[in-house]
Amino acid sequence: MMIAGGNATSDEWLMSRPDIKTAELLKGGSAAIALFGGLGDFMTRIALKRLGLTPIKDVALLQIGGNPERLGALETGKVQATMLPQPDNFVAQKMGFYNLVSVRLPYQSTGAATTRRFIQESPDIVRRYIKSQIEPSTASGPTGRRQ
């Protein structure tokens, strides 16, 4: 049973080669994704639609792999664009790539779960864990532990 959630949104940026600063310039090109049917594929399709482009028809989607592989494909010119999360989007910007559009969606990607039995038998531990996740840390020592 889910007892706490972390990231509640997914934020990614459609980064393009430096010479591609408009949707019209991307048309006829290709975008790298990790896996067909994955979050990056979904986000890329949303980004392309926001730009007025039709995925597959206007921009080919190539299954390339993880963030480093997609950034490498962008760098070598194998693709003209790719979706990247933080901090990879900042790395891409430092390399001279351009942010065509960003996409933010509600998306629960992390969380903590336990059994119903543990919740029933140890409610105080569950409450203290959840409280530790929502209260700001008061750490001030070199170890990062609360003082």
Protein backbone atom coordinates (compact mmCIF):
# COMPACT_ATOMS: atom_id res chain seq x y z
CA MET A 1 0.00 0.00 0.00
CA MET A 2 1.37 3.44 -0.97
CA ILE A 3 1.96 5.61 2.09
CA ALA A 4 3.91 8.56 0.65
CA GLY A 5 4.75 10.02 -2.74
CA GLY A 6 7.76 12.01 -3.87
CA ASN A 7 7.94 13.68 -7.26
CA ALA A 8 4.43 14.62 -8.29
CA THR A 9 5.31 16.08 -11.69
CA SER A 10 7.51 15.20 -14.61
CA ASP A 11 9.32 18.10 -16.24
CA GLU A 12 11.20 17.66 -19.51
CA TRP A 13 12.49 19.93 -22.25
CA LEU A 14 12.57 19.28 -25.99
CA MET A 15 16.15 20.23 -26.81
CA SER A 16 17.16 20.73 -30.43
CA ARG A 17 20.31 21.28 -32.40
CA PRO A 18 21.49 24.93 -32.36
CA ASP A 19 20.28 25.59 -35.91
CA ILE A 20 16.73 24.39 -35.14
CA LYS A 21 14.91 27.14 -33.26
CA THR A 22 11.40 26.73 -34.68
CA ALA A 23 8.93 23.93 -35.22
CA GLU A 24 9.12 24.49 -38.98
CA LEU A 25 12.87 23.79 -38.94
CA LEU A 26 12.30 20.55 -37.00
CA LYS A 27 9.68 19.32 -39.48
CA GLY A 28 11.10 16.45 -41.54
CA GLY A 29 13.72 15.70 -38.87
CA SER A 30 13.88 13.17 -36.08
CA ALA A 31 13.67 13.10 -32.29
CA ALA A 32 15.32 10.59 -29.98
CA ILE A 33 13.30 8.75 -27.34
CA ALA A 34 14.32 6.07 -24.85
CA LEU A 35 11.59 3.48 -25.45
CA PHE A 36 8.39 3.40 -27.47
CA GLY A 37 5.51 3.59 -25.00
CA GLY A 38 7.65 5.04 -22.21
CA LEU A 39 7.29 8.38 -20.45
CA GLY A 40 9.82 10.06 -22.76
CA ASP A 41 7.91 8.89 -25.83
CA PHE A 42 4.68 10.26 -24.35
CA MET A 43 6.32 13.59 -23.39
CA THR A 44 7.94 13.93 -26.83
CA ARG A 45 4.59 13.42 -28.56
CA ILE A 46 3.00 16.08 -26.34
CA ALA A 47 5.87 18.50 -27.03
CA LEU A 48 5.61 17.98 -30.79
CA LYS A 49 1.84 18.51 -30.72
CA ARG A 50 2.34 21.74 -28.73
CA LEU A 51 4.62 22.87 -31.53
CA GLY A 52 1.93 22.07 -34.08
CA LEU A 53 3.77 19.01 -35.40
CA THR A 54 2.39 15.52 -35.90
CA PRO A 55 4.61 12.82 -34.36
CA ILE A 56 5.79 10.20 -36.88
CA LYS A 57 4.34 12.12 -39.84
CA ASP A 58 6.25 15.40 -39.32
CA VAL A 59 9.04 14.21 -37.01
CA ALA A 60 10.37 10.65 -36.91
CA LEU A 61 10.82 9.11 -33.45
CA LEU A 62 13.93 7.00 -33.00
CA GLN A 63 14.36 4.67 -30.05
CA ILE A 64 17.91 5.50 -28.90
CA GLY A 65 18.23 4.74 -25.18
CA GLY A 66 18.94 6.68 -21.99
CA ASN A 67 19.71 10.36 -21.52
CA PRO A 68 23.45 10.07 -22.30
CA GLU A 69 22.78 8.14 -25.51
CA ARG A 70 20.10 10.59 -26.64
CA LEU A 71 22.30 13.58 -25.88
CA GLY A 72 25.09 11.89 -27.86
CA ALA A 73 22.74 11.32 -30.79
CA LEU A 74 21.83 15.01 -30.67
CA GLU A 75 25.49 16.01 -30.51
CA THR A 76 26.51 13.86 -33.49
CA GLY A 77 23.54 14.99 -35.58
CA LYS A 78 21.90 11.56 -35.71
CA VAL A 79 18.73 13.29 -34.45
CA GLN A 80 17.60 16.90 -34.46
CA ALA A 81 15.88 16.87 -31.03
CA THR A 82 15.32 14.92 -27.83
CA MET A 83 13.42 15.30 -24.55
CA LEU A 84 15.66 15.76 -21.53
CA PRO A 85 14.95 16.14 -17.81
CA GLN A 86 16.97 18.20 -15.35
CA PRO A 87 19.94 18.43 -15.10
CA ASP A 88 20.55 17.02 -18.59
CA ASN A 89 18.65 19.91 -20.19
CA PHE A 90 21.12 22.35 -18.59
CA VAL A 91 24.05 20.28 -19.84
CA ALA A 92 22.53 20.41 -23.33
CA GLN A 93 22.09 24.20 -23.10
CA LYS A 94 25.75 24.60 -22.09
CA MET A 95 26.66 22.53 -25.16
CA GLY A 96 24.77 25.03 -27.31
CA PHE A 97 21.50 23.16 -27.85
CA TYR A 98 18.19 25.03 -27.92
CA ASN A 99 15.07 24.55 -25.78
CA LEU A 100 12.15 24.37 -28.23
CA VAL A 101 9.43 23.67 -25.64
CA SER A 102 9.02 22.34 -22.13
CA VAL A 103 6.40 19.91 -20.88
CA ARG A 104 5.20 19.53 -17.28
CA LEU A 105 2.72 16.82 -16.41
CA PRO A 106 1.32 15.46 -13.16
CA TYR A 107 3.14 12.17 -12.79
CA GLN A 108 3.80 10.17 -9.64
CA SER A 109 7.25 8.71 -10.20
CA THR A 110 8.51 7.94 -6.70
CA GLY A 111 6.92 6.78 -3.51
CA ALA A 112 7.11 4.62 -0.41
CA ALA A 113 4.97 1.59 0.23
CA THR A 114 4.48 -1.00 2.91
CA THR A 115 2.02 -3.73 3.84
CA ARG A 116 -1.38 -3.11 5.42
CA ARG A 117 -0.25 -5.34 8.27
CA PHE A 118 2.78 -3.13 9.03
CA ILE A 119 0.57 -0.01 8.93
CA GLN A 120 -1.88 -1.63 11.37
CA GLU A 121 0.81 -3.00 13.70
CA SER A 122 3.17 0.01 13.61
CA PRO A 123 1.13 3.16 12.93
CA ASP A 124 3.53 5.34 14.93
CA ILE A 125 6.50 4.33 12.75
CA VAL A 126 4.48 5.02 9.60
CA ARG A 127 3.38 8.45 10.90
CA ARG A 128 6.96 9.37 11.89
CA TYR A 129 8.27 8.28 8.48
CA ILE A 130 5.68 10.34 6.61
CA LYS A 131 6.34 13.33 8.88
CA SER A 132 10.08 13.02 8.18
CA GLN A 133 9.36 13.26 4.45
CA ILE A 134 7.19 16.37 4.60
CA GLU A 135 8.98 18.48 7.22
CA PRO A 136 11.98 20.55 6.17
CA SER A 137 15.24 19.21 7.49
CA THR A 138 16.82 21.04 10.41
CA ALA A 139 20.22 19.50 9.67
CA SER A 140 23.12 21.74 10.51
CA GLY A 141 25.99 19.37 11.16
CA PRO A 142 28.60 18.10 8.68
CA THR A 143 26.94 14.67 8.50
CA GLY A 144 23.58 16.09 7.50
CA ARG A 145 21.96 14.51 10.56
CA ARG A 146 19.55 16.46 12.68
CA GLN A 147 21.26 18.10 15.60
